[in-house]
């Protein structure tokens, strides 16, 4: 977790706490060391965030400090509720946990009565829930897309034929039954979709395709198969 995100998370934890929270407790939630939390709290205090307390007794956020409220309409808040509910139908365990955290954060940040949209349980996403894939860690795939890092896949096609593919991942499509990794396949020299339930192994390799992701996504969205001359991967 980047430091800026961690500082924001610490403020959120202290905002929602009803009693002093120790650095060890915060560190366990954010999966960092207590020493990192001590440094982060000192940095927040230097930025005049009104955090009080100390080692051994815990920390509190003095009343009166608020983050800017999220200005949402009723329809916008309901759209978020439904979108987060749809996350429960994916096989992405990390994103499902993140969706629950987002719900709590938004409910704490928006003014009433918008917060009621996040607590009344009136909107639901129904249907089959995709199982988490056995071999493809979707959080690894998402990081590879963000970092523009190549992935090595052991893959079986619809006929069960095994191949090994090195790809430049550019997108992840979620369906109710499974998810598809979209990427430039270096074996086929083309953009291909890979069902995660057919992936036997998925590992990042120490090779990157920096500044090529957006160009490859444009080719994909524009339908590169109709433009063979444009289908070549960026050098």
Foldseek 3Di string as FASTA:
>chain_A
DDLVVLLVVVVLVQVPDPAFDALCRSCVVVVHDSVVVVVSVVVVVVVVQQWDDDHPRGIHGDPPDADAADDDDLVRLLVLLAVLQVVQQFQQVVSVVVSVVVLVSNLVRHDPPSSVSSPVPPDHDDDAHAHHADADNVVQLVVCQVQQFWKWWFFADPVRDTDIWIWRWQDWATDSHFIWTWTQTPVVQAIDIGTSNGTPHIDTDPDGDPPQNVLQVVCVVVPVVVPVVSGGGDD
